[in-house]
Amino acid sequence: MKFAIKLCDDHDGQHVNVRWDYYDDPRVTSQLDAFAYGKVVAEYWNNDLRPGEYPMKVLNAMIVGPGRKRQPLITADPRQLDWLPNPNRKMPGRMQ
């Protein structure tokens, strides 16, 4: 879904640089998911602040509409590709 997150910089309790950031992620299906996504973005930003930067805070989130990205359909676990039969490989107990 397409969604927007209202973010701001928190400078001594004052909201500075209030803005809406727009995202598109197929895993987000509700407003609560969008808010949680924003919390993760803010936490990622706040863990690596440089001197003079203010911590980010999430104020709100809303769903904008259906997304353009879709979740890829995975037909097989990539770790199991070694288990797929290979006609050129000699399998134990198999007559060739």
C-alpha atoms as a PDB file:
ATOM      1  CA  MET A   1       0.000   0.000   0.000  1.00  0.00           C
ATOM      2  CA  LYS A   2       0.965   3.594  -0.427  1.00  0.00           C
ATOM      3  CA  PHE A   3       1.095   5.428   2.857  1.00  0.00           C
ATOM      4  CA  ALA A   4       2.341   8.666   4.378  1.00  0.00           C
ATOM      5  CA  ILE A   5       4.120   9.222   7.669  1.00  0.00           C
ATOM      6  CA  LYS A   6       4.126  12.597   9.394  1.00  0.00           C
ATOM      7  CA  LEU A   7       7.583  13.117  10.872  1.00  0.00           C
ATOM      8  CA  CYS A   8       9.251  15.956  12.739  1.00  0.00           C
ATOM      9  CA  ASP A   9      12.513  16.765  14.427  1.00  0.00           C
ATOM     10  CA  ASP A  10      12.161  16.962  18.205  1.00  0.00           C
ATOM     11  CA  HIS A  11      14.179  19.924  19.516  1.00  0.00           C
ATOM     12  CA  ASP A  12      13.679  20.251  23.277  1.00  0.00           C
ATOM     13  CA  GLY A  13      10.016  19.277  23.062  1.00  0.00           C
ATOM     14  CA  GLN A  14       9.279  21.532  20.068  1.00  0.00           C
ATOM     15  CA  HIS A  15       8.314  20.025  16.730  1.00  0.00           C
ATOM     16  CA  VAL A  16      10.677  21.419  14.110  1.00  0.00           C
ATOM     17  CA  ASN A  17      10.646  20.639  10.374  1.00  0.00           C
ATOM     18  CA  VAL A  18       7.258  18.873  10.296  1.00  0.00           C
ATOM     19  CA  ARG A  19       6.849  16.957   7.027  1.00  0.00           C
ATOM     20  CA  TRP A  20       4.982  14.105   5.347  1.00  0.00           C
ATOM     21  CA  ASP A  21       7.118  11.330   3.839  1.00  0.00           C
ATOM     22  CA  TYR A  22       5.482   8.968   1.339  1.00  0.00           C
ATOM     23  CA  TYR A  23       6.295   5.270   1.027  1.00  0.00           C
ATOM     24  CA  ASP A  24       5.067   2.223  -0.866  1.00  0.00           C
ATOM     25  CA  ASP A  25       5.452  -1.177   0.777  1.00  0.00           C
ATOM     26  CA  PRO A  26       3.275  -4.256   0.173  1.00  0.00           C
ATOM     27  CA  ARG A  27       3.726  -5.405   3.799  1.00  0.00           C
ATOM     28  CA  VAL A  28       1.803  -2.377   5.119  1.00  0.00           C
ATOM     29  CA  THR A  29      -1.936  -3.082   5.117  1.00  0.00           C
ATOM     30  CA  SER A  30      -3.331  -0.733   7.789  1.00  0.00           C
ATOM     31  CA  GLN A  31      -2.771   2.620   9.433  1.00  0.00           C
ATOM     32  CA  LEU A  32      -1.271   0.865  12.450  1.00  0.00           C
ATOM     33  CA  ASP A  33       1.262  -0.894  10.193  1.00  0.00           C
ATOM     34  CA  ALA A  34       2.154   2.455   8.616  1.00  0.00           C
ATOM     35  CA  PHE A  35       2.705   4.013  12.045  1.00  0.00           C
ATOM     36  CA  ALA A  36       4.907   1.071  13.090  1.00  0.00           C
ATOM     37  CA  TYR A  37       6.877   1.455   9.838  1.00  0.00           C
ATOM     38  CA  GLY A  38       7.421   5.116  10.733  1.00  0.00           C
ATOM     39  CA  LYS A  39       8.617   4.166  14.216  1.00  0.00           C
ATOM     40  CA  VAL A  40      11.208   1.836  12.675  1.00  0.00           C
ATOM     41  CA  VAL A  41      12.378   4.576  10.280  1.00  0.00           C
ATOM     42  CA  ALA A  42      12.671   7.062  13.155  1.00  0.00           C
ATOM     43  CA  GLU A  43      14.518   4.571  15.354  1.00  0.00           C
ATOM     44  CA  TYR A  44      16.972   3.831  12.531  1.00  0.00           C
ATOM     45  CA  TRP A  45      17.582   7.562  12.065  1.00  0.00           C
ATOM     46  CA  ASN A  46      17.926   8.249  15.801  1.00  0.00           C
ATOM     47  CA  ASN A  47      20.503   5.486  16.329  1.00  0.00           C
ATOM     48  CA  ASP A  48      23.037   7.314  14.141  1.00  0.00           C
ATOM     49  CA  LEU A  49      22.704  11.022  14.968  1.00  0.00           C
ATOM     50  CA  ARG A  50      25.596  13.361  14.300  1.00  0.00           C
ATOM     51  CA  PRO A  51      26.330  16.427  16.420  1.00  0.00           C
ATOM     52  CA  GLY A  52      23.777  19.148  15.683  1.00  0.00           C
ATOM     53  CA  GLU A  53      21.091  16.764  14.368  1.00  0.00           C
ATOM     54  CA  TYR A  54      17.785  16.426  16.189  1.00  0.00           C
ATOM     55  CA  PRO A  55      16.063  13.113  16.925  1.00  0.00           C
ATOM     56  CA  MET A  56      13.149  12.234  14.662  1.00  0.00           C
ATOM     57  CA  LYS A  57       9.657  11.664  16.018  1.00  0.00           C
ATOM     58  CA  VAL A  58       6.582  10.117  14.368  1.00  0.00           C
ATOM     59  CA  LEU A  59       3.424  12.203  14.708  1.00  0.00           C
ATOM     60  CA  ASN A  60       0.895  10.443  12.490  1.00  0.00           C
ATOM     61  CA  ALA A  61       0.442   7.973   9.649  1.00  0.00           C
ATOM     62  CA  MET A  62      -2.229   7.452   7.014  1.00  0.00           C
ATOM     63  CA  ILE A  63      -2.973   5.155   4.105  1.00  0.00           C
ATOM     64  CA  VAL A  64      -2.884   6.980   0.760  1.00  0.00           C
ATOM     65  CA  GLY A  65      -4.031   4.245  -1.607  1.00  0.00           C
ATOM     66  CA  PRO A  66      -3.175   0.949  -3.257  1.00  0.00           C
ATOM     67  CA  GLY A  67       0.494   0.400  -3.894  1.00  0.00           C
ATOM     68  CA  ARG A  68       2.263  -0.131  -7.167  1.00  0.00           C
ATOM     69  CA  LYS A  69       4.740  -2.632  -5.784  1.00  0.00           C
ATOM     70  CA  ARG A  70       3.648  -6.186  -5.214  1.00  0.00           C
ATOM     71  CA  GLN A  71       5.121  -8.852  -3.041  1.00  0.00           C
ATOM     72  CA  PRO A  72       7.121 -11.322  -5.120  1.00  0.00           C
ATOM     73  CA  LEU A  73       5.680 -14.808  -5.403  1.00  0.00           C
ATOM     74  CA  ILE A  74       8.269 -17.262  -4.132  1.00  0.00           C
ATOM     75  CA  THR A  75       7.681 -20.713  -5.551  1.00  0.00           C
ATOM     76  CA  ALA A  76      10.523 -22.514  -3.781  1.00  0.00           C
ATOM     77  CA  ASP A  77      12.862 -21.876  -0.923  1.00  0.00           C
ATOM     78  CA  PRO A  78      16.236 -20.901  -2.480  1.00  0.00           C
ATOM     79  CA  ARG A  79      18.028 -23.014   0.126  1.00  0.00           C
ATOM     80  CA  GLN A  80      16.286 -26.100  -1.239  1.00  0.00           C
ATOM     81  CA  LEU A  81      17.606 -25.776  -4.794  1.00  0.00           C
ATOM     82  CA  ASP A  82      20.248 -28.403  -4.025  1.00  0.00           C
ATOM     83  CA  TRP A  83      17.458 -30.890  -3.331  1.00  0.00           C
ATOM     84  CA  LEU A  84      15.891 -30.498  -6.777  1.00  0.00           C
ATOM     85  CA  PRO A  85      16.539 -33.463  -9.051  1.00  0.00           C
ATOM     86  CA  ASN A  86      19.317 -32.930 -11.553  1.00  0.00           C
ATOM     87  CA  PRO A  87      19.253 -35.333 -14.497  1.00  0.00           C
ATOM     88  CA  ASN A  88      23.029 -35.043 -14.953  1.00  0.00           C
ATOM     89  CA  ARG A  89      23.862 -35.921 -11.356  1.00  0.00           C
ATOM     90  CA  LYS A  90      24.090 -39.560 -10.313  1.00  0.00           C
ATOM     91  CA  MET A  91      21.745 -40.146  -7.408  1.00  0.00           C
ATOM     92  CA  PRO A  92      22.486 -42.886  -4.879  1.00  0.00           C
ATOM     93  CA  GLY A  93      20.249 -45.916  -5.281  1.00  0.00           C
ATOM     94  CA  ARG A  94      19.143 -44.845  -8.750  1.00  0.00           C
ATOM     95  CA  MET A  95      19.703 -47.019 -11.787  1.00  0.00           C
ATOM     96  CA  GLN A  96      21.158 -45.255 -14.765  1.00  0.00           C
END
